[in-house]
Amino acid sequence: MTGSQKAIKVLSIIVIVVAILSIVAGLVTCAGGAAGVMAGADASAAEQQQLALGAGVLFVLAGGALVSGIIDLIVGLLGLRGAKDPNKIMPFFVIAIIGAVFAALNLIGCFTSGQLDGTSIASAVVQLALMVVCVILANNVRKLRY
């Protein structure tokens, strides 16, 4: 196993762990939204409206976390598969390229949408760097194919 394969394996395991945490967080957030709706059963109409609005926001956040977690889980599993067998690296390579494009668009979006806070920019830069590293590593493994 080459250094690139080992690095992809480690990155993929990290991505899988983060994906599982994201899925769990999404489920917990969804449960919180449902609890908020149920708590408003005996509340006044105005309070029910506020609780429903809060629950709606929680459901949107939960949906985003669940979708992101599922996609990350797929990426991590494809990375593990590709690291183990260079002949199966192409799906990971393609997903990494797509991820790098979206990460670059996200970074550009930080500047064009006025989100010039340090956290948003740092997150976008880290995401882009991670995806570029994945593309480079996947390309190295792709060259090992028989």
N, C-alpha and C. Protein backbone atom coordinates (compact mmCIF):
# COMPACT_ATOMS: atom_id res chain seq x y z
N MET A 1 0.86 -1.17 0.00
CA MET A 1 0.00 0.00 0.00
C MET A 1 0.91 1.24 0.00
N THR A 2 0.63 2.15 -0.94
CA THR A 2 1.46 3.37 -1.07
C THR A 2 1.06 4.40 -0.02
N GLY A 3 1.86 5.45 0.07
CA GLY A 3 1.56 6.53 0.99
C GLY A 3 0.25 7.23 0.66
N SER A 4 -0.04 7.38 -0.63
CA SER A 4 -1.30 8.00 -1.05
C SER A 4 -2.49 7.15 -0.63
N GLN A 5 -2.36 5.84 -0.79
CA GLN A 5 -3.45 4.95 -0.38
C GLN A 5 -3.68 5.03 1.13
N LYS A 6 -2.60 5.06 1.89
CA LYS A 6 -2.73 5.17 3.35
C LYS A 6 -3.38 6.49 3.74
N ALA A 7 -2.97 7.57 3.08
CA ALA A 7 -3.54 8.89 3.38
C ALA A 7 -5.03 8.92 3.05
N ILE A 8 -5.42 8.35 1.91
CA ILE A 8 -6.84 8.29 1.55
C ILE A 8 -7.60 7.47 2.58
N LYS A 9 -7.01 6.38 3.02
CA LYS A 9 -7.67 5.53 4.02
C LYS A 9 -7.91 6.32 5.31
N VAL A 10 -6.89 7.04 5.78
CA VAL A 10 -7.03 7.83 7.01
C VAL A 10 -8.08 8.93 6.82
N LEU A 11 -7.99 9.67 5.70
CA LEU A 11 -8.97 10.72 5.43
C LEU A 11 -10.39 10.15 5.34
N SER A 12 -10.51 9.00 4.73
CA SER A 12 -11.83 8.38 4.58
C SER A 12 -12.41 7.97 5.93
N ILE A 13 -11.58 7.46 6.80
CA ILE A 13 -12.06 7.09 8.14
C ILE A 13 -12.51 8.33 8.89
N ILE A 14 -11.75 9.42 8.78
CA ILE A 14 -12.15 10.67 9.43
C ILE A 14 -13.48 11.17 8.86
N VAL A 15 -13.63 11.09 7.54
CA VAL A 15 -14.87 11.53 6.90
C VAL A 15 -16.05 10.66 7.36
N ILE A 16 -15.83 9.37 7.50
CA ILE A 16 -16.91 8.48 7.95
C ILE A 16 -17.32 8.83 9.38
N VAL A 17 -16.35 9.08 10.25
CA VAL A 17 -16.66 9.45 11.63
C VAL A 17 -17.46 10.75 11.66
N VAL A 18 -17.01 11.74 10.89
CA VAL A 18 -17.73 13.02 10.83
C VAL A 18 -19.13 12.81 10.25
N ALA A 19 -19.26 11.94 9.26
CA ALA A 19 -20.57 11.66 8.66
C ALA A 19 -21.51 11.05 9.68
N ILE A 20 -21.03 10.12 10.46
CA ILE A 20 -21.87 9.50 11.49
C ILE A 20 -22.30 10.54 12.52
N LEU A 21 -21.37 11.40 12.92
CA LEU A 21 -21.72 12.46 13.87
C LEU A 21 -22.76 13.42 13.28
N SER A 22 -22.62 13.71 11.99
CA SER A 22 -23.57 14.59 11.32
C SER A 22 -24.96 13.95 11.25
N ILE A 23 -25.01 12.67 10.94
CA ILE A 23 -26.29 11.97 10.89
C ILE A 23 -26.95 11.94 12.26
N VAL A 24 -26.17 11.65 13.30
CA VAL A 24 -26.70 11.64 14.66
C VAL A 24 -27.20 13.03 15.05
N ALA A 25 -26.41 14.06 14.73
CA ALA A 25 -26.82 15.43 15.03
C ALA A 25 -28.11 15.79 14.30
N GLY A 26 -28.24 15.36 13.06
CA GLY A 26 -29.46 15.61 12.30
C GLY A 26 -30.67 14.94 12.92
N LEU A 27 -30.49 13.71 13.36
CA LEU A 27 -31.60 13.00 14.00
C LEU A 27 -32.00 13.65 15.33
N VAL A 28 -30.99 14.06 16.10
CA VAL A 28 -31.28 14.73 17.38
C VAL A 28 -31.98 16.06 17.15
N THR A 29 -31.53 16.81 16.15
CA THR A 29 -32.14 18.09 15.83
C THR A 29 -33.58 17.90 15.36
N CYS A 30 -33.81 16.87 14.58
CA CYS A 30 -35.16 16.55 14.11
C CYS A 30 -36.06 16.21 15.29
N ALA A 31 -35.54 15.44 16.22
CA ALA A 31 -36.30 15.09 17.42
C ALA A 31 -36.60 16.34 18.25
N GLY A 32 -35.65 17.27 18.30
CA GLY A 32 -35.88 18.52 19.02
C GLY A 32 -36.99 19.34 18.38
N GLY A 33 -37.02 19.37 17.06
CA GLY A 33 -38.08 20.08 16.37
C GLY A 33 -39.44 19.45 16.64
N ALA A 34 -39.48 18.12 16.64
CA ALA A 34 -40.74 17.43 16.92
C ALA A 34 -41.19 17.68 18.36
N ALA A 35 -40.24 17.69 19.28
CA ALA A 35 -40.57 17.96 20.68
C ALA A 35 -41.12 19.38 20.84
N GLY A 36 -40.56 20.32 20.09
CA GLY A 36 -41.06 21.70 20.14
C GLY A 36 -42.49 21.81 19.66
N VAL A 37 -42.82 21.08 18.60
CA VAL A 37 -44.19 21.10 18.09
C VAL A 37 -45.13 20.47 19.11
N MET A 38 -44.71 19.36 19.70
CA MET A 38 -45.57 18.68 20.68
C MET A 38 -45.74 19.51 21.95
N ALA A 39 -44.71 20.26 22.32
CA ALA A 39 -44.80 21.08 23.52
C ALA A 39 -45.81 22.20 23.36
N GLY A 40 -46.09 22.58 22.15
CA GLY A 40 -47.02 23.68 21.91
C GLY A 40 -48.47 23.27 21.82
N ALA A 41 -48.79 22.03 22.13
CA ALA A 41 -50.17 21.55 22.01
C ALA A 41 -51.13 22.34 22.89
N ASP A 42 -50.71 22.73 24.08
CA ASP A 42 -51.59 23.45 25.00
C ASP A 42 -51.32 24.96 25.00
N ALA A 43 -50.48 25.44 24.10
CA ALA A 43 -50.11 26.85 24.06
C ALA A 43 -51.14 27.66 23.28
N SER A 44 -51.04 28.96 23.43
CA SER A 44 -51.93 29.84 22.67
C SER A 44 -51.55 29.79 21.19
N ALA A 45 -52.42 30.38 20.37
CA ALA A 45 -52.18 30.35 18.92
C ALA A 45 -50.88 31.06 18.56
N ALA A 46 -50.60 32.18 19.20
CA ALA A 46 -49.37 32.92 18.90
C ALA A 46 -48.15 32.12 19.30
N GLU A 47 -48.22 31.47 20.46
CA GLU A 47 -47.10 30.64 20.91
C GLU A 47 -46.91 29.42 20.02
N GLN A 48 -48.03 28.83 19.58
CA GLN A 48 -47.94 27.68 18.66
C GLN A 48 -47.28 28.09 17.35
N GLN A 49 -47.60 29.29 16.89
CA GLN A 49 -47.01 29.78 15.65
C GLN A 49 -45.50 29.95 15.81
N GLN A 50 -45.06 30.50 16.93
CA GLN A 50 -43.62 30.67 17.18
C GLN A 50 -42.94 29.30 17.30
N LEU A 51 -43.57 28.37 18.00
CA LEU A 51 -42.98 27.03 18.15
C LEU A 51 -42.90 26.32 16.80
N ALA A 52 -43.94 26.48 15.99
CA ALA A 52 -43.93 25.85 14.66
C ALA A 52 -42.83 26.44 13.78
N LEU A 53 -42.63 27.75 13.87
CA LEU A 53 -41.57 28.39 13.10
C LEU A 53 -40.21 27.89 13.55
N GLY A 54 -40.00 27.81 14.86
CA GLY A 54 -38.73 27.28 15.39
C GLY A 54 -38.52 25.84 14.99
N ALA A 55 -39.59 25.05 15.04
CA ALA A 55 -39.48 23.64 14.66
C ALA A 55 -39.16 23.52 13.17
N GLY A 56 -39.75 24.40 12.36
CA GLY A 56 -39.45 24.38 10.93
C GLY A 56 -37.99 24.65 10.65
N VAL A 57 -37.41 25.60 11.36
CA VAL A 57 -35.99 25.90 11.21
C VAL A 57 -35.16 24.69 11.62
N LEU A 58 -35.55 24.06 12.73
CA LEU A 58 -34.83 22.87 13.18
C LEU A 58 -34.93 21.73 12.15
N PHE A 59 -36.09 21.57 11.54
CA PHE A 59 -36.26 20.51 10.54
C PHE A 59 -35.38 20.77 9.31
N VAL A 60 -35.26 22.04 8.90
CA VAL A 60 -34.40 22.38 7.77
C VAL A 60 -32.94 22.09 8.12
N LEU A 61 -32.51 22.51 9.32
CA LEU A 61 -31.14 22.23 9.75
C LEU A 61 -30.89 20.72 9.85
N ALA A 62 -31.87 20.01 10.38
CA ALA A 62 -31.73 18.55 10.50
C ALA A 62 -31.62 17.90 9.13
N GLY A 63 -32.44 18.35 8.19
CA GLY A 63 -32.38 17.81 6.84
C GLY A 63 -31.03 18.05 6.19
N GLY A 64 -30.50 19.25 6.38
CA GLY A 64 -29.17 19.55 5.84
C GLY A 64 -28.09 18.67 6.45
N ALA A 65 -28.16 18.48 7.76
CA ALA A 65 -27.17 17.64 8.43
C ALA A 65 -27.29 16.19 7.98
N LEU A 66 -28.52 15.71 7.81
CA LEU A 66 -28.72 14.33 7.37
C LEU A 66 -28.21 14.12 5.94
N VAL A 67 -28.56 15.01 5.04
CA VAL A 67 -28.11 14.88 3.66
C VAL A 67 -26.58 14.97 3.59
N SER A 68 -26.03 15.95 4.27
CA SER A 68 -24.57 16.11 4.30
C SER A 68 -23.89 14.87 4.87
N GLY A 69 -24.46 14.33 5.95
CA GLY A 69 -23.89 13.14 6.57
C GLY A 69 -23.94 11.93 5.66
N ILE A 70 -25.04 11.76 4.96
CA ILE A 70 -25.18 10.62 4.06
C ILE A 70 -24.19 10.74 2.89
N ILE A 71 -24.07 11.95 2.34
CA ILE A 71 -23.11 12.16 1.25
C ILE A 71 -21.69 11.91 1.73
N ASP A 72 -21.35 12.44 2.91
CA ASP A 72 -20.01 12.23 3.47
C ASP A 72 -19.75 10.75 3.72
N LEU A 73 -20.76 10.04 4.17
CA LEU A 73 -20.61 8.60 4.40
C LEU A 73 -20.29 7.88 3.10
N ILE A 74 -20.99 8.24 2.03
CA ILE A 74 -20.72 7.63 0.72
C ILE A 74 -19.30 7.97 0.25
N VAL A 75 -18.90 9.23 0.42
CA VAL A 75 -17.55 9.64 0.02
C VAL A 75 -16.51 8.84 0.81
N GLY A 76 -16.71 8.72 2.12
CA GLY A 76 -15.76 7.97 2.95
C GLY A 76 -15.67 6.51 2.54
N LEU A 77 -16.81 5.90 2.27
CA LEU A 77 -16.80 4.49 1.87
C LEU A 77 -16.14 4.31 0.50
N LEU A 78 -16.40 5.24 -0.43
CA LEU A 78 -15.74 5.16 -1.73
C LEU A 78 -14.23 5.35 -1.59
N GLY A 79 -13.82 6.22 -0.68
CA GLY A 79 -12.40 6.44 -0.44
C GLY A 79 -11.73 5.19 0.12
N LEU A 80 -12.39 4.53 1.07
CA LEU A 80 -11.83 3.29 1.63
C LEU A 80 -11.70 2.22 0.55
N ARG A 81 -12.74 2.11 -0.25
CA ARG A 81 -12.73 1.11 -1.33
C ARG A 81 -11.62 1.39 -2.33
N GLY A 82 -11.47 2.67 -2.70
CA GLY A 82 -10.44 3.04 -3.66
C GLY A 82 -9.04 2.92 -3.10
N ALA A 83 -8.87 3.17 -1.81
CA ALA A 83 -7.55 3.04 -1.18
C ALA A 83 -7.13 1.57 -1.13
N LYS A 84 -8.10 0.70 -0.97
CA LYS A 84 -7.80 -0.73 -0.88
C LYS A 84 -7.47 -1.31 -2.26
N ASP A 85 -8.21 -0.87 -3.28
CA ASP A 85 -8.02 -1.40 -4.63
C ASP A 85 -7.92 -0.24 -5.62
N PRO A 86 -6.72 0.05 -6.13
CA PRO A 86 -6.56 1.18 -7.06
C PRO A 86 -7.47 1.10 -8.29
N ASN A 87 -7.92 -0.08 -8.65
CA ASN A 87 -8.82 -0.22 -9.80
C ASN A 87 -10.21 0.36 -9.52
N LYS A 88 -10.51 0.61 -8.24
CA LYS A 88 -11.83 1.12 -7.86
C LYS A 88 -11.76 2.56 -7.33
N ILE A 89 -10.71 3.30 -7.69
CA ILE A 89 -10.52 4.66 -7.18
C ILE A 89 -11.33 5.70 -7.95
N MET A 90 -11.77 5.40 -9.16
CA MET A 90 -12.41 6.41 -10.02
C MET A 90 -13.64 7.07 -9.40
N PRO A 91 -14.56 6.34 -8.78
CA PRO A 91 -15.71 7.04 -8.17
C PRO A 91 -15.27 8.06 -7.11
N PHE A 92 -14.29 7.69 -6.30
CA PHE A 92 -13.77 8.62 -5.29
C PHE A 92 -13.10 9.81 -5.97
N PHE A 93 -12.33 9.56 -7.01
CA PHE A 93 -11.64 10.62 -7.75
C PHE A 93 -12.66 11.62 -8.32
N VAL A 94 -13.72 11.12 -8.92
CA VAL A 94 -14.75 11.98 -9.51
C VAL A 94 -15.46 12.79 -8.42
N ILE A 95 -15.84 12.12 -7.34
CA ILE A 95 -16.52 12.81 -6.23
C ILE A 95 -15.60 13.87 -5.63
N ALA A 96 -14.31 13.57 -5.51
CA ALA A 96 -13.36 14.54 -4.96
C ALA A 96 -13.24 15.77 -5.87
N ILE A 97 -13.25 15.56 -7.18
CA ILE A 97 -13.20 16.69 -8.12
C ILE A 97 -14.47 17.54 -7.97
N ILE A 98 -15.62 16.88 -7.92
CA ILE A 98 -16.88 17.61 -7.75
C ILE A 98 -16.86 18.37 -6.42
N GLY A 99 -16.37 17.71 -5.37
CA GLY A 99 -16.27 18.37 -4.07
C GLY A 99 -15.36 19.57 -4.10
N ALA A 100 -14.25 19.48 -4.83
CA ALA A 100 -13.32 20.60 -4.94
C ALA A 100 -13.97 21.78 -5.68
N VAL A 101 -14.74 21.48 -6.71
CA VAL A 101 -15.44 22.54 -7.45
C VAL A 101 -16.44 23.24 -6.54
N PHE A 102 -17.24 22.44 -5.81
CA PHE A 102 -18.22 23.04 -4.90
C PHE A 102 -17.55 23.80 -3.76
N ALA A 103 -16.43 23.30 -3.27
CA ALA A 103 -15.70 24.00 -2.21
C ALA A 103 -15.16 25.33 -2.72
N ALA A 104 -14.67 25.34 -3.97
CA ALA A 104 -14.19 26.59 -4.56
C ALA A 104 -15.34 27.58 -4.73
N LEU A 105 -16.48 27.10 -5.19
CA LEU A 105 -17.66 27.96 -5.33
C LEU A 105 -18.10 28.50 -3.97
N ASN A 106 -18.02 27.65 -2.95
CA ASN A 106 -18.37 28.07 -1.59
C ASN A 106 -17.45 29.19 -1.13
N LEU A 107 -16.16 29.06 -1.39
CA LEU A 107 -15.20 30.09 -1.00
C LEU A 107 -15.47 31.39 -1.75
N ILE A 108 -15.73 31.28 -3.04
CA ILE A 108 -16.07 32.48 -3.83
C ILE A 108 -17.35 33.11 -3.29
N GLY A 109 -18.31 32.25 -2.94
CA GLY A 109 -19.57 32.74 -2.39
C GLY A 109 -19.40 33.49 -1.09
N CYS A 110 -18.42 33.11 -0.28
CA CYS A 110 -18.15 33.83 0.97
C CYS A 110 -17.83 35.30 0.68
N PHE A 111 -17.06 35.52 -0.38
CA PHE A 111 -16.66 36.89 -0.70
C PHE A 111 -17.77 37.65 -1.43
N THR A 112 -18.50 36.99 -2.31
CA THR A 112 -19.53 37.69 -3.08
C THR A 112 -20.81 37.92 -2.29
N SER A 113 -21.06 37.10 -1.26
CA SER A 113 -22.28 37.28 -0.47
C SER A 113 -22.05 38.18 0.74
N GLY A 114 -20.82 38.62 0.94
CA GLY A 114 -20.53 39.51 2.05
C GLY A 114 -20.26 38.79 3.36
N GLN A 115 -20.10 37.47 3.34
CA GLN A 115 -19.79 36.71 4.56
C GLN A 115 -18.29 36.76 4.82
N LEU A 116 -17.82 37.89 5.22
CA LEU A 116 -16.39 38.06 5.39
C LEU A 116 -15.94 37.82 6.83
N ASP A 117 -16.73 37.04 7.57
CA ASP A 117 -16.29 36.70 8.91
C ASP A 117 -15.26 35.58 8.83
N GLY A 118 -14.37 35.55 9.79
CA GLY A 118 -13.25 34.61 9.78
C GLY A 118 -13.67 33.15 9.77
N THR A 119 -14.75 32.83 10.46
CA THR A 119 -15.18 31.43 10.55
C THR A 119 -15.62 30.89 9.20
N SER A 120 -16.43 31.66 8.48
CA SER A 120 -16.92 31.20 7.17
C SER A 120 -15.77 31.03 6.19
N ILE A 121 -14.88 31.99 6.17
CA ILE A 121 -13.75 31.93 5.24
C ILE A 121 -12.82 30.77 5.61
N ALA A 122 -12.51 30.63 6.90
CA ALA A 122 -11.63 29.54 7.33
C ALA A 122 -12.23 28.19 7.01
N SER A 123 -13.52 28.04 7.25
CA SER A 123 -14.19 26.78 6.95
C SER A 123 -14.13 26.47 5.45
N ALA A 124 -14.39 27.48 4.63
CA ALA A 124 -14.35 27.28 3.17
C ALA A 124 -12.95 26.94 2.69
N VAL A 125 -11.94 27.60 3.27
CA VAL A 125 -10.55 27.32 2.87
C VAL A 125 -10.15 25.90 3.26
N VAL A 126 -10.52 25.49 4.47
CA VAL A 126 -10.19 24.13 4.92
C VAL A 126 -10.90 23.10 4.05
N GLN A 127 -12.15 23.34 3.74
CA GLN A 127 -12.91 22.42 2.89
C GLN A 127 -12.25 22.30 1.51
N LEU A 128 -11.87 23.44 0.93
CA LEU A 128 -11.22 23.43 -0.39
C LEU A 128 -9.89 22.71 -0.33
N ALA A 129 -9.09 22.99 0.70
CA ALA A 129 -7.79 22.34 0.83
C ALA A 129 -7.95 20.82 0.98
N LEU A 130 -8.91 20.39 1.77
CA LEU A 130 -9.15 18.96 1.96
C LEU A 130 -9.54 18.29 0.64
N MET A 131 -10.42 18.93 -0.11
CA MET A 131 -10.84 18.35 -1.38
C MET A 131 -9.71 18.32 -2.40
N VAL A 132 -8.88 19.35 -2.43
CA VAL A 132 -7.74 19.36 -3.35
C VAL A 132 -6.77 18.24 -2.98
N VAL A 133 -6.52 18.06 -1.70
CA VAL A 133 -5.65 16.96 -1.25
C VAL A 133 -6.24 15.62 -1.66
N CYS A 134 -7.55 15.46 -1.51
CA CYS A 134 -8.20 14.20 -1.93
C CYS A 134 -8.05 13.97 -3.42
N VAL A 135 -8.19 15.03 -4.23
CA VAL A 135 -8.03 14.89 -5.68
C VAL A 135 -6.60 14.46 -6.01
N ILE A 136 -5.62 15.10 -5.38
CA ILE A 136 -4.22 14.77 -5.65
C ILE A 136 -3.91 13.33 -5.24
N LEU A 137 -4.36 12.95 -4.06
CA LEU A 137 -4.11 11.58 -3.58
C LEU A 137 -4.82 10.55 -4.46
N ALA A 138 -6.06 10.84 -4.82
CA ALA A 138 -6.81 9.91 -5.67
C ALA A 138 -6.15 9.79 -7.04
N ASN A 139 -5.62 10.88 -7.56
CA ASN A 139 -4.92 10.84 -8.84
C ASN A 139 -3.66 9.98 -8.73
N ASN A 140 -2.94 10.11 -7.62
CA ASN A 140 -1.75 9.27 -7.41
C ASN A 140 -2.12 7.79 -7.39
N VAL A 141 -3.20 7.46 -6.70
CA VAL A 141 -3.64 6.06 -6.63
C VAL A 141 -4.17 5.61 -8.00
N ARG A 142 -4.83 6.52 -8.71
CA ARG A 142 -5.38 6.19 -10.03
C ARG A 142 -4.26 5.77 -10.99
N LYS A 143 -3.09 6.35 -10.82
CA LYS A 143 -1.95 6.01 -11.67
C LYS A 143 -1.42 4.60 -11.38
N LEU A 144 -1.82 4.01 -10.25
CA LEU A 144 -1.37 2.66 -9.89
C LEU A 144 -2.21 1.56 -10.51
N ARG A 145 -3.31 1.97 -11.15
CA ARG A 145 -4.23 0.96 -11.72
C ARG A 145 -3.49 0.08 -12.71
N TYR A 146 -3.94 -1.13 -12.78
CA TYR A 146 -3.30 -2.14 -13.66
C TYR A 146 -3.81 -2.05 -15.06
